[in-house]
Amino acid sequence: MKTLYDKLKPEIKAKLEANYAEGYITSIDYIFNKLQTKDRYSELTIDDVRTLNTFTNSELHQTTQMDLMYGDHLFNN
């Protein structure tokens, strides 16, 4: 079964990796480890989703309620 890390959209993974290279090592390691151990979006905490949105520079004003409920703006299903 694919993990959430495997399901990350390529542009989202690239933004996280860029933030890692910029020095946000602890935060990005944390979220990558979390994504590698989960296979469903519903297993993430609100804080995990907030961290993902923060470090991917997601424009939340363009994010729909359905995106937030199901993670469609972050993951390929």
Protein backbone atom coordinates (compact mmCIF):
# COMPACT_ATOMS: atom_id res chain seq x y z
CA MET A 1 0.00 0.00 0.00
CA LYS A 2 1.27 3.47 -0.85
CA THR A 3 2.06 5.86 1.96
CA LEU A 4 1.05 9.50 2.00
CA TYR A 5 4.66 10.31 1.14
CA ASP A 6 4.28 8.25 -2.05
CA LYS A 7 1.01 10.02 -2.85
CA LEU A 8 2.38 13.57 -2.50
CA LYS A 9 1.92 15.62 -5.64
CA PRO A 10 5.33 16.19 -7.28
CA GLU A 11 5.12 19.98 -6.94
CA ILE A 12 4.30 19.65 -3.23
CA LYS A 13 7.23 17.29 -2.62
CA ALA A 14 9.53 19.66 -4.52
CA LYS A 15 8.48 22.61 -2.32
CA LEU A 16 9.08 20.58 0.84
CA GLU A 17 12.50 19.50 -0.42
CA ALA A 18 13.36 23.12 -1.27
CA ASN A 19 12.45 24.20 2.27
CA TYR A 20 14.64 21.37 3.60
CA ALA A 21 17.54 22.72 1.56
CA GLU A 22 16.86 26.21 2.93
CA GLY A 23 17.44 24.97 6.47
CA TYR A 24 14.04 23.86 7.77
CA ILE A 25 15.49 20.42 8.38
CA THR A 26 13.71 19.51 11.63
CA SER A 27 10.25 20.51 10.43
CA ILE A 28 10.57 18.84 7.05
CA ASP A 29 12.08 15.68 8.56
CA TYR A 30 9.14 15.55 10.96
CA ILE A 31 6.53 15.84 8.23
CA PHE A 32 8.34 13.42 5.88
CA ASN A 33 8.56 10.83 8.67
CA LYS A 34 4.89 11.30 9.45
CA LEU A 35 3.91 10.90 5.78
CA GLN A 36 6.03 7.77 5.43
CA THR A 37 4.16 6.06 8.27
CA LYS A 38 0.60 6.99 7.28
CA ASP A 39 -1.47 5.86 4.34
CA ARG A 40 -4.65 7.88 4.85
CA TYR A 41 -5.09 11.65 4.97
CA SER A 42 -7.51 11.26 7.88
CA GLU A 43 -4.63 9.94 10.03
CA LEU A 44 -2.93 13.35 9.95
CA THR A 45 -3.55 15.89 12.69
CA ILE A 46 -4.67 19.43 12.05
CA ASP A 47 -1.15 20.51 12.97
CA ASP A 48 0.32 18.15 10.36
CA VAL A 49 -1.90 19.64 7.65
CA ARG A 50 -1.02 23.16 8.82
CA THR A 51 2.69 22.30 8.61
CA LEU A 52 2.25 20.92 5.10
CA ASN A 53 0.40 24.05 4.00
CA THR A 54 2.99 26.31 5.61
CA PHE A 55 6.03 24.68 4.04
CA THR A 56 4.46 24.25 0.60
CA ASN A 57 3.36 27.89 0.46
CA SER A 58 -0.17 26.74 -0.30
CA GLU A 59 -2.43 29.63 -1.04
CA LEU A 60 -5.24 28.86 1.35
CA HIS A 61 -7.54 31.48 -0.12
CA GLN A 62 -7.63 29.24 -3.22
CA THR A 63 -8.04 26.03 -1.22
CA THR A 64 -11.57 24.72 -1.06
CA GLN A 65 -13.27 23.10 1.91
CA MET A 66 -13.17 19.81 0.02
CA ASP A 67 -9.39 20.20 -0.46
CA LEU A 68 -8.95 20.59 3.28
CA MET A 69 -11.31 17.72 4.07
CA TYR A 70 -9.71 15.23 1.70
CA GLY A 71 -6.22 16.63 1.02
CA ASP A 72 -6.77 16.91 -2.73
CA HIS A 73 -4.53 19.99 -2.91
CA LEU A 74 -1.61 17.97 -1.50
CA PHE A 75 -1.99 14.36 -2.60
CA ASN A 76 -2.74 12.31 -5.69
CA ASN A 77 -5.50 9.83 -5.00
